[in-house]
Amino acid sequence: MENVQTKKTVLVTGGTGFLGIHTVLQLLQQGYHVKTTLRSIAKKELIVKALKEGGVTDFSNLTLIEADLTSDRNWEEAVKGCEYVLHVASPFPAQDPKDEDELIIPARDGALRVLKASRDAGVKRVVLTSSFAAVGYSRDAKNHVFTEKDWTDLDAPLPAYIKSKTVAEKSAWEFIEKEGNGLELAVINPVGIFGPVIGGITSASLDIAVSGILNGSMDKTPPFTMGVVDVRDVADLHIKAMLYPEANGERFIATSDVVMSFYDVAELFKKERPQYTFEIKELEPISKEFYKAMSNQKAKTILNWIPRSHDEALLASADSLMGKS
């Protein structure tokens, strides 16, 4: 890998997001010069607070740039001098918008905006955060193990978020093929991202599946399951995909080894953190037919990625949200 003395400059889009802040933290800890974008520079203190909480004391290698995925403003400045770009920023709504284009267009156009700016600036590689949403929907999951070869079918009836991630990733690969001019691309497809909260920066997955269970607002088990992955491991996978030559042109599912229902999560908290569970509602188990199987072998094999367990990721979420270290 790279020598600390020759560490490059990396742009991380969306530094105020849950995955974004953990990615910035790991890069700074590894000695990189890091640029990160935020939609409003007024949120600067949010990033600084979170990084301090993560142990950063020297901010001389960090540059904050105001840039929005819906505008061309400042993207040329953001990518200037960068060897790598980790495009992490993407909208994740609490509920589907009335018009799916409210999500699809910013996700697609934002990814293309970052790719074009990266190409024009001579960036070596972009690592795009896609989602398992672009992999594992619209085909029968029975007796099927989802891998990176699978794609969500855009002709199927899909929620706007799932469609937006699929459209954005497909558009990115098409851009690289037709207009990339040698720009390298790797894609990470995470499942539900959990793990420790720093600086109060959470995610939709955390708010729904952890806070919702712990505070009792989740009162029935939705009829689906989710993969679970720790945010620290997803950040690590982005950095590995940035550095490993073998990652170029590949996509990688980021998940631990187990798929869970909300009932399973509630039972884990009851067993391992009974002190948090006085608000938890009694949830019902769901049929095994809802459990999707997915493989993380590609990331493990090609990138030597070793994810934490689903239990560790979820318990770290609960501990940080409940004020425990």
C-alpha atoms as a PDB file:
ATOM      1  CA  MET A   1       0.000   0.000   0.000  1.00  0.00           C
ATOM      2  CA  GLU A   2       0.994   3.638   0.232  1.00  0.00           C
ATOM      3  CA  ASN A   3       3.732   5.062   2.442  1.00  0.00           C
ATOM      4  CA  VAL A   4       2.530   7.565   5.054  1.00  0.00           C
ATOM      5  CA  GLN A   5       4.970  10.170   3.729  1.00  0.00           C
ATOM      6  CA  THR A   6       3.447   9.961   0.266  1.00  0.00           C
ATOM      7  CA  LYS A   7      -0.222   9.781   1.210  1.00  0.00           C
ATOM      8  CA  LYS A   8      -2.459  11.339  -1.420  1.00  0.00           C
ATOM      9  CA  THR A   9      -5.381  13.738  -1.240  1.00  0.00           C
ATOM     10  CA  VAL A  10      -8.820  12.106  -1.109  1.00  0.00           C
ATOM     11  CA  LEU A  11     -12.220  13.751  -1.570  1.00  0.00           C
ATOM     12  CA  VAL A  12     -15.117  12.306   0.448  1.00  0.00           C
ATOM     13  CA  THR A  13     -18.498  13.656  -0.586  1.00  0.00           C
ATOM     14  CA  GLY A  14     -21.126  14.069   2.114  1.00  0.00           C
ATOM     15  CA  GLY A  15     -18.959  14.528   5.202  1.00  0.00           C
ATOM     16  CA  THR A  16     -21.961  15.245   7.433  1.00  0.00           C
ATOM     17  CA  GLY A  17     -23.459  11.791   6.758  1.00  0.00           C
ATOM     18  CA  PHE A  18     -23.093   8.717   8.948  1.00  0.00           C
ATOM     19  CA  LEU A  19     -20.852   6.814   6.521  1.00  0.00           C
ATOM     20  CA  GLY A  20     -19.161   9.984   5.281  1.00  0.00           C
ATOM     21  CA  ILE A  21     -17.920  11.089   8.698  1.00  0.00           C
ATOM     22  CA  HIS A  22     -16.570   7.628   9.562  1.00  0.00           C
ATOM     23  CA  THR A  23     -14.771   7.505   6.200  1.00  0.00           C
ATOM     24  CA  VAL A  24     -13.212  10.933   6.762  1.00  0.00           C
ATOM     25  CA  LEU A  25     -12.168   9.829  10.252  1.00  0.00           C
ATOM     26  CA  GLN A  26     -10.388   6.687   9.033  1.00  0.00           C
ATOM     27  CA  LEU A  27      -8.608   8.525   6.225  1.00  0.00           C
ATOM     28  CA  LEU A  28      -7.326  11.211   8.604  1.00  0.00           C
ATOM     29  CA  GLN A  29      -6.207   8.530  11.048  1.00  0.00           C
ATOM     30  CA  GLN A  30      -4.262   6.900   8.201  1.00  0.00           C
ATOM     31  CA  GLY A  31      -2.472  10.130   7.299  1.00  0.00           C
ATOM     32  CA  TYR A  32      -4.289  11.173   4.141  1.00  0.00           C
ATOM     33  CA  HIS A  33      -5.041  14.749   3.176  1.00  0.00           C
ATOM     34  CA  VAL A  34      -8.841  14.806   3.118  1.00  0.00           C
ATOM     35  CA  LYS A  35     -11.282  17.122   1.428  1.00  0.00           C
ATOM     36  CA  THR A  36     -14.949  16.689   2.211  1.00  0.00           C
ATOM     37  CA  THR A  37     -18.058  18.351   0.866  1.00  0.00           C
ATOM     38  CA  LEU A  38     -21.075  19.523   2.815  1.00  0.00           C
ATOM     39  CA  ARG A  39     -24.183  21.160   1.466  1.00  0.00           C
ATOM     40  CA  SER A  40     -23.804  24.125   3.817  1.00  0.00           C
ATOM     41  CA  ILE A  41     -20.581  25.339   5.381  1.00  0.00           C
ATOM     42  CA  ALA A  42     -22.734  26.247   8.379  1.00  0.00           C
ATOM     43  CA  LYS A  43     -22.537  22.546   9.286  1.00  0.00           C
ATOM     44  CA  LYS A  44     -18.755  22.770   9.680  1.00  0.00           C
ATOM     45  CA  GLU A  45     -18.928  22.465  13.470  1.00  0.00           C
ATOM     46  CA  LEU A  46     -20.933  19.254  13.157  1.00  0.00           C
ATOM     47  CA  ILE A  47     -18.035  17.627  11.308  1.00  0.00           C
ATOM     48  CA  VAL A  48     -15.395  19.034  13.669  1.00  0.00           C
ATOM     49  CA  LYS A  49     -17.317  17.876  16.742  1.00  0.00           C
ATOM     50  CA  ALA A  50     -17.756  14.350  15.362  1.00  0.00           C
ATOM     51  CA  LEU A  51     -14.098  14.023  14.368  1.00  0.00           C
ATOM     52  CA  LYS A  52     -12.971  15.252  17.793  1.00  0.00           C
ATOM     53  CA  GLU A  53     -15.237  12.644  19.340  1.00  0.00           C
ATOM     54  CA  GLY A  54     -13.556  10.088  17.066  1.00  0.00           C
ATOM     55  CA  GLY A  55     -10.136  11.090  18.409  1.00  0.00           C
ATOM     56  CA  VAL A  56      -8.886  13.618  15.836  1.00  0.00           C
ATOM     57  CA  THR A  57      -6.847  16.457  17.384  1.00  0.00           C
ATOM     58  CA  ASP A  58      -5.033  17.812  14.307  1.00  0.00           C
ATOM     59  CA  PHE A  59      -7.239  19.243  11.552  1.00  0.00           C
ATOM     60  CA  SER A  60      -4.430  20.508   9.327  1.00  0.00           C
ATOM     61  CA  ASN A  61      -5.047  17.711   6.785  1.00  0.00           C
ATOM     62  CA  LEU A  62      -8.776  18.463   6.482  1.00  0.00           C
ATOM     63  CA  THR A  63     -10.398  20.847   3.990  1.00  0.00           C
ATOM     64  CA  LEU A  64     -14.144  21.531   3.993  1.00  0.00           C
ATOM     65  CA  ILE A  65     -15.865  22.612   0.783  1.00  0.00           C
ATOM     66  CA  GLU A  66     -19.477  23.703   0.324  1.00  0.00           C
ATOM     67  CA  ALA A  67     -20.920  21.782  -2.613  1.00  0.00           C
ATOM     68  CA  ASP A  68     -24.338  20.365  -3.481  1.00  0.00           C
ATOM     69  CA  LEU A  69     -25.020  17.400  -5.782  1.00  0.00           C
ATOM     70  CA  THR A  70     -27.740  19.415  -7.550  1.00  0.00           C
ATOM     71  CA  SER A  71     -25.363  22.210  -8.593  1.00  0.00           C
ATOM     72  CA  ASP A  72     -22.066  22.467 -10.514  1.00  0.00           C
ATOM     73  CA  ARG A  73     -20.773  25.069  -8.049  1.00  0.00           C
ATOM     74  CA  ASN A  74     -17.444  24.211  -6.364  1.00  0.00           C
ATOM     75  CA  TRP A  75     -17.079  20.674  -7.694  1.00  0.00           C
ATOM     76  CA  GLU A  76     -14.070  21.668  -9.790  1.00  0.00           C
ATOM     77  CA  GLU A  77     -12.449  23.016  -6.627  1.00  0.00           C
ATOM     78  CA  ALA A  78     -13.487  19.948  -4.625  1.00  0.00           C
ATOM     79  CA  VAL A  79     -11.799  17.406  -6.911  1.00  0.00           C
ATOM     80  CA  LYS A  80      -8.726  19.541  -7.709  1.00  0.00           C
ATOM     81  CA  GLY A  81      -5.510  17.822  -6.669  1.00  0.00           C
ATOM     82  CA  CYS A  82      -7.259  14.616  -5.583  1.00  0.00           C
ATOM     83  CA  GLU A  83      -5.880  11.186  -6.402  1.00  0.00           C
ATOM     84  CA  TYR A  84      -9.092   9.486  -5.263  1.00  0.00           C
ATOM     85  CA  VAL A  85     -12.748  10.431  -4.827  1.00  0.00           C
ATOM     86  CA  LEU A  86     -15.080   8.518  -2.528  1.00  0.00           C
ATOM     87  CA  HIS A  87     -18.594   9.526  -3.583  1.00  0.00           C
ATOM     88  CA  VAL A  88     -20.529   8.663  -0.439  1.00  0.00           C
ATOM     89  CA  ALA A  89     -23.182  11.399  -0.436  1.00  0.00           C
ATOM     90  CA  SER A  90     -26.695  10.380  -1.440  1.00  0.00           C
ATOM     91  CA  PRO A  91     -30.212  11.149  -0.210  1.00  0.00           C
ATOM     92  CA  PHE A  92     -31.927   8.534   1.979  1.00  0.00           C
ATOM     93  CA  PRO A  93     -35.518   9.579   2.755  1.00  0.00           C
ATOM     94  CA  ALA A  94     -37.487   8.583   5.821  1.00  0.00           C
ATOM     95  CA  GLN A  95     -40.384   7.877   3.447  1.00  0.00           C
ATOM     96  CA  ASP A  96     -40.917   7.690  -0.286  1.00  0.00           C
ATOM     97  CA  PRO A  97     -41.574  11.054  -1.983  1.00  0.00           C
ATOM     98  CA  LYS A  98     -44.789  11.547  -3.944  1.00  0.00           C
ATOM     99  CA  ASP A  99     -42.731  11.944  -7.127  1.00  0.00           C
ATOM    100  CA  GLU A 100     -39.956   9.357  -7.496  1.00  0.00           C
ATOM    101  CA  ASP A 101     -37.930  11.811  -9.622  1.00  0.00           C
ATOM    102  CA  GLU A 102     -37.315  13.876  -6.481  1.00  0.00           C
ATOM    103  CA  LEU A 103     -34.916  11.086  -5.495  1.00  0.00           C
ATOM    104  CA  ILE A 104     -33.908   9.542  -8.807  1.00  0.00           C
ATOM    105  CA  ILE A 105     -32.734  12.696 -10.579  1.00  0.00           C
ATOM    106  CA  PRO A 106     -30.490  14.058  -7.771  1.00  0.00           C
ATOM    107  CA  ALA A 107     -28.966  10.594  -7.180  1.00  0.00           C
ATOM    108  CA  ARG A 108     -28.222  10.017 -10.873  1.00  0.00           C
ATOM    109  CA  ASP A 109     -27.196  13.542 -11.797  1.00  0.00           C
ATOM    110  CA  GLY A 110     -25.155  13.919  -8.608  1.00  0.00           C
ATOM    111  CA  ALA A 111     -23.154  10.779  -9.366  1.00  0.00           C
ATOM    112  CA  LEU A 112     -22.554  11.915 -12.946  1.00  0.00           C
ATOM    113  CA  ARG A 113     -21.572  15.407 -11.773  1.00  0.00           C
ATOM    114  CA  VAL A 114     -18.926  13.929  -9.460  1.00  0.00           C
ATOM    115  CA  LEU A 115     -17.660  11.503 -12.133  1.00  0.00           C
ATOM    116  CA  LYS A 116     -17.340  14.218 -14.782  1.00  0.00           C
ATOM    117  CA  ALA A 117     -15.501  16.562 -12.421  1.00  0.00           C
ATOM    118  CA  SER A 118     -13.218  13.695 -11.352  1.00  0.00           C
ATOM    119  CA  ARG A 119     -12.436  12.751 -14.943  1.00  0.00           C
ATOM    120  CA  ASP A 120     -11.697  16.329 -15.933  1.00  0.00           C
ATOM    121  CA  ALA A 121      -9.418  16.822 -12.911  1.00  0.00           C
ATOM    122  CA  GLY A 122      -7.344  13.713 -13.618  1.00  0.00           C
ATOM    123  CA  VAL A 123      -8.538  11.736 -10.596  1.00  0.00           C
ATOM    124  CA  LYS A 124      -7.245   8.156 -10.669  1.00  0.00           C
ATOM    125  CA  ARG A 125     -10.240   6.325  -9.196  1.00  0.00           C
ATOM    126  CA  VAL A 126     -13.733   7.028  -7.908  1.00  0.00           C
ATOM    127  CA  VAL A 127     -15.331   4.712  -5.375  1.00  0.00           C
ATOM    128  CA  LEU A 128     -19.112   5.094  -5.538  1.00  0.00           C
ATOM    129  CA  THR A 129     -21.400   4.212  -2.653  1.00  0.00           C
ATOM    130  CA  SER A 130     -24.341   2.428  -4.223  1.00  0.00           C
ATOM    131  CA  SER A 131     -26.542   0.072  -2.190  1.00  0.00           C
ATOM    132  CA  PHE A 132     -27.782  -3.493  -1.920  1.00  0.00           C
ATOM    133  CA  ALA A 133     -30.943  -1.792  -3.214  1.00  0.00           C
ATOM    134  CA  ALA A 134     -29.316  -1.932  -6.663  1.00  0.00           C
ATOM    135  CA  VAL A 135     -28.661  -5.673  -6.283  1.00  0.00           C
ATOM    136  CA  GLY A 136     -31.337  -7.562  -4.429  1.00  0.00           C
ATOM    137  CA  TYR A 137     -34.826  -6.525  -5.482  1.00  0.00           C
ATOM    138  CA  SER A 138     -37.413  -7.545  -8.046  1.00  0.00           C
ATOM    139  CA  ARG A 139     -36.450 -11.212  -8.398  1.00  0.00           C
ATOM    140  CA  ASP A 140     -37.635 -14.184  -6.353  1.00  0.00           C
ATOM    141  CA  ALA A 141     -35.281 -14.532  -3.405  1.00  0.00           C
ATOM    142  CA  LYS A 142     -36.306 -18.103  -2.652  1.00  0.00           C
ATOM    143  CA  ASN A 143     -33.326 -20.476  -2.900  1.00  0.00           C
ATOM    144  CA  HIS A 144     -31.189 -17.661  -4.304  1.00  0.00           C
ATOM    145  CA  VAL A 145     -27.998 -16.177  -2.865  1.00  0.00           C
ATOM    146  CA  PHE A 146     -27.581 -12.607  -4.069  1.00  0.00           C
ATOM    147  CA  THR A 147     -24.135 -11.654  -5.368  1.00  0.00           C
ATOM    148  CA  GLU A 148     -22.612  -8.723  -7.230  1.00  0.00           C
ATOM    149  CA  LYS A 149     -23.784 -10.310 -10.496  1.00  0.00           C
ATOM    150  CA  ASP A 150     -27.395  -9.539  -9.559  1.00  0.00           C
ATOM    151  CA  TRP A 151     -29.130  -6.315 -10.525  1.00  0.00           C
ATOM    152  CA  THR A 152     -32.448  -4.912  -9.401  1.00  0.00           C
ATOM    153  CA  ASP A 153     -34.900  -4.888 -12.317  1.00  0.00           C
ATOM    154  CA  LEU A 154     -35.877  -1.309 -13.162  1.00  0.00           C
ATOM    155  CA  ASP A 155     -38.967  -2.549 -14.999  1.00  0.00           C
ATOM    156  CA  ALA A 156     -40.399  -3.976 -11.774  1.00  0.00           C
ATOM    157  CA  PRO A 157     -42.566  -1.880  -9.436  1.00  0.00           C
ATOM    158  CA  LEU A 158     -40.032  -0.393  -7.009  1.00  0.00           C
ATOM    159  CA  PRO A 159     -39.961   2.172  -4.197  1.00  0.00           C
ATOM    160  CA  ALA A 160     -38.280   5.413  -5.238  1.00  0.00           C
ATOM    161  CA  TYR A 161     -35.165   4.897  -3.091  1.00  0.00           C
ATOM    162  CA  ILE A 162     -34.433   1.453  -4.516  1.00  0.00           C
ATOM    163  CA  LYS A 163     -34.988   2.726  -8.033  1.00  0.00           C
ATOM    164  CA  SER A 164     -32.786   5.791  -7.457  1.00  0.00           C
ATOM    165  CA  LYS A 165     -29.813   3.730  -6.288  1.00  0.00           C
ATOM    166  CA  THR A 166     -30.158   1.348  -9.229  1.00  0.00           C
ATOM    167  CA  VAL A 167     -30.463   4.139 -11.795  1.00  0.00           C
ATOM    168  CA  ALA A 168     -27.518   6.048 -10.292  1.00  0.00           C
ATOM    169  CA  GLU A 169     -25.209   3.031 -10.304  1.00  0.00           C
ATOM    170  CA  LYS A 170     -26.153   1.924 -13.812  1.00  0.00           C
ATOM    171  CA  SER A 171     -25.616   5.488 -15.045  1.00  0.00           C
ATOM    172  CA  ALA A 172     -22.178   5.575 -13.397  1.00  0.00           C
ATOM    173  CA  TRP A 173     -21.030   2.371 -15.095  1.00  0.00           C
ATOM    174  CA  GLU A 174     -22.372   3.602 -18.430  1.00  0.00           C
ATOM    175  CA  PHE A 175     -20.516   6.909 -18.040  1.00  0.00           C
ATOM    176  CA  ILE A 176     -17.239   5.106 -17.289  1.00  0.00           C
ATOM    177  CA  GLU A 177     -17.674   2.894 -20.339  1.00  0.00           C
ATOM    178  CA  LYS A 178     -18.575   5.672 -22.779  1.00  0.00           C
ATOM    179  CA  GLU A 179     -17.005   8.861 -21.400  1.00  0.00           C
ATOM    180  CA  GLY A 180     -14.613   7.863 -18.600  1.00  0.00           C
ATOM    181  CA  ASN A 181     -11.411   8.393 -20.593  1.00  0.00           C
ATOM    182  CA  GLY A 182      -9.472   6.078 -18.296  1.00  0.00           C
ATOM    183  CA  LEU A 183     -11.095   7.109 -15.007  1.00  0.00           C
ATOM    184  CA  GLU A 184     -11.327   4.042 -12.770  1.00  0.00           C
ATOM    185  CA  LEU A 185     -14.503   3.119 -10.875  1.00  0.00           C
ATOM    186  CA  ALA A 186     -15.269   0.729  -8.035  1.00  0.00           C
ATOM    187  CA  VAL A 187     -18.679   0.443  -6.381  1.00  0.00           C
ATOM    188  CA  ILE A 188     -19.678  -0.517  -2.840  1.00  0.00           C
ATOM    189  CA  ASN A 189     -23.191  -1.930  -2.278  1.00  0.00           C
ATOM    190  CA  PRO A 190     -23.903  -1.778   1.465  1.00  0.00           C
ATOM    191  CA  VAL A 191     -26.888  -3.261   3.253  1.00  0.00           C
ATOM    192  CA  GLY A 192     -28.287  -1.564   6.379  1.00  0.00           C
ATOM    193  CA  ILE A 193     -25.415   0.390   7.962  1.00  0.00           C
ATOM    194  CA  PHE A 194     -25.149   0.395  11.749  1.00  0.00           C
ATOM    195  CA  GLY A 195     -22.378   0.863  14.313  1.00  0.00           C
ATOM    196  CA  PRO A 196     -21.260   3.666  16.630  1.00  0.00           C
ATOM    197  CA  VAL A 197     -22.649   7.193  16.344  1.00  0.00           C
ATOM    198  CA  ILE A 198     -20.106  10.022  16.571  1.00  0.00           C
ATOM    199  CA  GLY A 199     -21.025  13.668  16.945  1.00  0.00           C
ATOM    200  CA  GLY A 200     -24.714  12.808  16.987  1.00  0.00           C
ATOM    201  CA  ILE A 201     -24.636  11.969  13.245  1.00  0.00           C
ATOM    202  CA  THR A 202     -27.016   9.058  12.638  1.00  0.00           C
ATOM    203  CA  SER A 203     -28.626   7.458   9.581  1.00  0.00           C
ATOM    204  CA  ALA A 204     -32.080   6.415   8.448  1.00  0.00           C
ATOM    205  CA  SER A 205     -31.202   2.758   9.162  1.00  0.00           C
ATOM    206  CA  LEU A 206     -30.220   3.624  12.723  1.00  0.00           C
ATOM    207  CA  ASP A 207     -33.208   5.866  13.321  1.00  0.00           C
ATOM    208  CA  ILE A 208     -35.684   3.266  12.094  1.00  0.00           C
ATOM    209  CA  ALA A 209     -34.222  -0.081  13.135  1.00  0.00           C
ATOM    210  CA  VAL A 210     -32.409   0.837  16.360  1.00  0.00           C
ATOM    211  CA  SER A 211     -33.997   3.996  17.791  1.00  0.00           C
ATOM    212  CA  GLY A 212     -37.443   2.856  16.653  1.00  0.00           C
ATOM    213  CA  ILE A 213     -37.084  -0.431  18.512  1.00  0.00           C
ATOM    214  CA  LEU A 214     -35.462   0.996  21.639  1.00  0.00           C
ATOM    215  CA  ASN A 215     -37.969   3.839  22.051  1.00  0.00           C
ATOM    216  CA  GLY A 216     -40.996   1.633  21.410  1.00  0.00           C
ATOM    217  CA  SER A 217     -42.242   3.382  18.256  1.00  0.00           C
ATOM    218  CA  MET A 218     -41.674   0.162  16.291  1.00  0.00           C
ATOM    219  CA  ASP A 219     -44.712  -1.884  17.311  1.00  0.00           C
ATOM    220  CA  LYS A 220     -44.874  -4.526  14.585  1.00  0.00           C
ATOM    221  CA  THR A 221     -42.370  -6.439  12.489  1.00  0.00           C
ATOM    222  CA  PRO A 222     -42.206  -5.265   8.858  1.00  0.00           C
ATOM    223  CA  PRO A 223     -42.401  -8.200   6.418  1.00  0.00           C
ATOM    224  CA  PHE A 224     -38.799  -8.043   5.223  1.00  0.00           C
ATOM    225  CA  THR A 225     -35.279  -8.714   6.406  1.00  0.00           C
ATOM    226  CA  MET A 226     -32.086  -6.740   6.080  1.00  0.00           C
ATOM    227  CA  GLY A 227     -28.401  -7.368   5.927  1.00  0.00           C
ATOM    228  CA  VAL A 228     -26.431  -5.665   8.696  1.00  0.00           C
ATOM    229  CA  VAL A 229     -22.982  -4.106   8.407  1.00  0.00           C
ATOM    230  CA  ASP A 230     -20.885  -1.899  10.690  1.00  0.00           C
ATOM    231  CA  VAL A 231     -20.199   1.628   9.429  1.00  0.00           C
ATOM    232  CA  ARG A 232     -16.510   1.239  10.351  1.00  0.00           C
ATOM    233  CA  ASP A 233     -16.280  -1.755   8.057  1.00  0.00           C
ATOM    234  CA  VAL A 234     -18.040   0.014   5.185  1.00  0.00           C
ATOM    235  CA  ALA A 235     -15.596   2.924   5.484  1.00  0.00           C
ATOM    236  CA  ASP A 236     -12.724   0.429   5.536  1.00  0.00           C
ATOM    237  CA  LEU A 237     -14.103  -1.299   2.435  1.00  0.00           C
ATOM    238  CA  HIS A 238     -14.228   2.021   0.564  1.00  0.00           C
ATOM    239  CA  ILE A 239     -10.576   2.640   1.364  1.00  0.00           C
ATOM    240  CA  LYS A 240      -9.619  -0.884   0.302  1.00  0.00           C
ATOM    241  CA  ALA A 241     -11.553  -0.442  -2.954  1.00  0.00           C
ATOM    242  CA  MET A 242      -9.708   2.848  -3.435  1.00  0.00           C
ATOM    243  CA  LEU A 243      -6.280   1.231  -3.080  1.00  0.00           C
ATOM    244  CA  TYR A 244      -6.480  -2.329  -4.411  1.00  0.00           C
ATOM    245  CA  PRO A 245      -5.766  -2.501  -8.167  1.00  0.00           C
ATOM    246  CA  GLU A 246      -8.106  -5.513  -8.387  1.00  0.00           C
ATOM    247  CA  ALA A 247     -11.083  -3.384  -7.323  1.00  0.00           C
ATOM    248  CA  ASN A 248     -11.170  -1.379 -10.535  1.00  0.00           C
ATOM    249  CA  GLY A 249     -14.321  -2.109 -12.520  1.00  0.00           C
ATOM    250  CA  GLU A 250     -15.866  -4.175  -9.722  1.00  0.00           C
ATOM    251  CA  ARG A 251     -18.789  -3.879  -7.301  1.00  0.00           C
ATOM    252  CA  PHE A 252     -18.723  -5.258  -3.762  1.00  0.00           C
ATOM    253  CA  ILE A 253     -21.613  -6.132  -1.442  1.00  0.00           C
ATOM    254  CA  ALA A 254     -20.885  -4.873   2.078  1.00  0.00           C
ATOM    255  CA  THR A 255     -22.632  -7.067   4.620  1.00  0.00           C
ATOM    256  CA  SER A 256     -21.879  -9.217   7.632  1.00  0.00           C
ATOM    257  CA  ASP A 257     -22.720 -12.908   7.492  1.00  0.00           C
ATOM    258  CA  VAL A 258     -26.293 -12.764   8.810  1.00  0.00           C
ATOM    259  CA  VAL A 259     -29.645 -11.379   7.635  1.00  0.00           C
ATOM    260  CA  MET A 260     -32.066 -10.128  10.313  1.00  0.00           C
ATOM    261  CA  SER A 261     -35.680  -9.094  10.812  1.00  0.00           C
ATOM    262  CA  PHE A 262     -36.684  -6.307  13.164  1.00  0.00           C
ATOM    263  CA  TYR A 263     -37.907  -9.023  15.521  1.00  0.00           C
ATOM    264  CA  ASP A 264     -34.385 -10.494  15.535  1.00  0.00           C
ATOM    265  CA  VAL A 265     -32.905  -7.081  16.362  1.00  0.00           C
ATOM    266  CA  ALA A 266     -35.341  -6.577  19.247  1.00  0.00           C
ATOM    267  CA  GLU A 267     -34.538 -10.027  20.629  1.00  0.00           C
ATOM    268  CA  LEU A 268     -30.807  -9.273  20.439  1.00  0.00           C
ATOM    269  CA  PHE A 269     -31.276  -6.086  22.464  1.00  0.00           C
ATOM    270  CA  LYS A 270     -33.438  -7.875  25.035  1.00  0.00           C
ATOM    271  CA  LYS A 271     -30.799 -10.543  25.505  1.00  0.00           C
ATOM    272  CA  GLU A 272     -27.614  -8.459  25.403  1.00  0.00           C
ATOM    273  CA  ARG A 273     -28.787  -5.026  26.598  1.00  0.00           C
ATOM    274  CA  PRO A 274     -31.749  -5.597  28.921  1.00  0.00           C
ATOM    275  CA  GLN A 275     -31.055  -2.246  30.608  1.00  0.00           C
ATOM    276  CA  TYR A 276     -32.205  -0.471  27.395  1.00  0.00           C
ATOM    277  CA  THR A 277     -35.347  -2.448  26.694  1.00  0.00           C
ATOM    278  CA  PHE A 278     -38.048  -1.120  29.001  1.00  0.00           C
ATOM    279  CA  GLU A 279     -39.692   0.691  26.050  1.00  0.00           C
ATOM    280  CA  ILE A 280     -39.423  -2.170  23.531  1.00  0.00           C
ATOM    281  CA  LYS A 281     -42.728  -3.454  22.180  1.00  0.00           C
ATOM    282  CA  GLU A 282     -43.333  -7.171  21.735  1.00  0.00           C
ATOM    283  CA  LEU A 283     -42.651  -7.873  18.074  1.00  0.00           C
ATOM    284  CA  GLU A 284     -43.693 -10.987  16.200  1.00  0.00           C
ATOM    285  CA  PRO A 285     -41.295 -13.210  14.243  1.00  0.00           C
ATOM    286  CA  ILE A 286     -41.797 -13.351  10.495  1.00  0.00           C
ATOM    287  CA  SER A 287     -41.797 -16.229   8.036  1.00  0.00           C
ATOM    288  CA  LYS A 288     -38.454 -17.580   6.858  1.00  0.00           C
ATOM    289  CA  GLU A 289     -39.603 -16.923   3.286  1.00  0.00           C
ATOM    290  CA  PHE A 290     -38.811 -13.231   3.875  1.00  0.00           C
ATOM    291  CA  TYR A 291     -35.154 -13.930   4.686  1.00  0.00           C
ATOM    292  CA  LYS A 292     -32.864 -13.017   1.767  1.00  0.00           C
ATOM    293  CA  ALA A 293     -29.486 -14.706   1.404  1.00  0.00           C
ATOM    294  CA  MET A 294     -26.558 -12.599   0.236  1.00  0.00           C
ATOM    295  CA  SER A 295     -22.833 -13.184  -0.172  1.00  0.00           C
ATOM    296  CA  ASN A 296     -19.910 -11.062   1.046  1.00  0.00           C
ATOM    297  CA  GLN A 297     -17.288 -13.459  -0.315  1.00  0.00           C
ATOM    298  CA  LYS A 298     -16.133 -11.196  -3.137  1.00  0.00           C
ATOM    299  CA  ALA A 299     -15.072  -8.379  -0.788  1.00  0.00           C
ATOM    300  CA  LYS A 300     -13.465 -10.883   1.575  1.00  0.00           C
ATOM    301  CA  THR A 301     -11.577 -12.697  -1.164  1.00  0.00           C
ATOM    302  CA  ILE A 302     -10.443  -9.849  -3.420  1.00  0.00           C
ATOM    303  CA  LEU A 303      -9.991  -7.060  -0.858  1.00  0.00           C
ATOM    304  CA  ASN A 304      -9.126  -9.070   2.263  1.00  0.00           C
ATOM    305  CA  TRP A 305     -12.081  -7.463   4.008  1.00  0.00           C
ATOM    306  CA  ILE A 306     -13.016  -8.782   7.455  1.00  0.00           C
ATOM    307  CA  PRO A 307     -16.335  -7.358   8.680  1.00  0.00           C
ATOM    308  CA  ARG A 308     -17.490  -7.261  12.272  1.00  0.00           C
ATOM    309  CA  SER A 309     -20.451  -9.406  13.276  1.00  0.00           C
ATOM    310  CA  HIS A 310     -24.020  -8.192  12.958  1.00  0.00           C
ATOM    311  CA  ASP A 311     -24.345  -8.337  16.749  1.00  0.00           C
ATOM    312  CA  GLU A 312     -21.347  -6.076  17.289  1.00  0.00           C
ATOM    313  CA  ALA A 313     -22.621  -3.519  14.768  1.00  0.00           C
ATOM    314  CA  LEU A 314     -26.108  -3.354  16.278  1.00  0.00           C
ATOM    315  CA  LEU A 315     -24.933  -3.309  19.890  1.00  0.00           C
ATOM    316  CA  ALA A 316     -22.459  -0.520  19.091  1.00  0.00           C
ATOM    317  CA  SER A 317     -25.409   1.466  17.692  1.00  0.00           C
ATOM    318  CA  ALA A 318     -27.490   0.868  20.788  1.00  0.00           C
ATOM    319  CA  ASP A 319     -24.627   1.703  23.150  1.00  0.00           C
ATOM    320  CA  SER A 320     -23.797   4.998  21.427  1.00  0.00           C
ATOM    321  CA  LEU A 321     -27.436   6.045  21.160  1.00  0.00           C
ATOM    322  CA  MET A 322     -28.096   5.228  24.813  1.00  0.00           C
ATOM    323  CA  GLY A 323     -25.059   7.220  25.937  1.00  0.00           C
ATOM    324  CA  LYS A 324     -22.718   4.341  26.686  1.00  0.00           C
ATOM    325  CA  SER A 325     -19.138   4.210  25.494  1.00  0.00           C
END
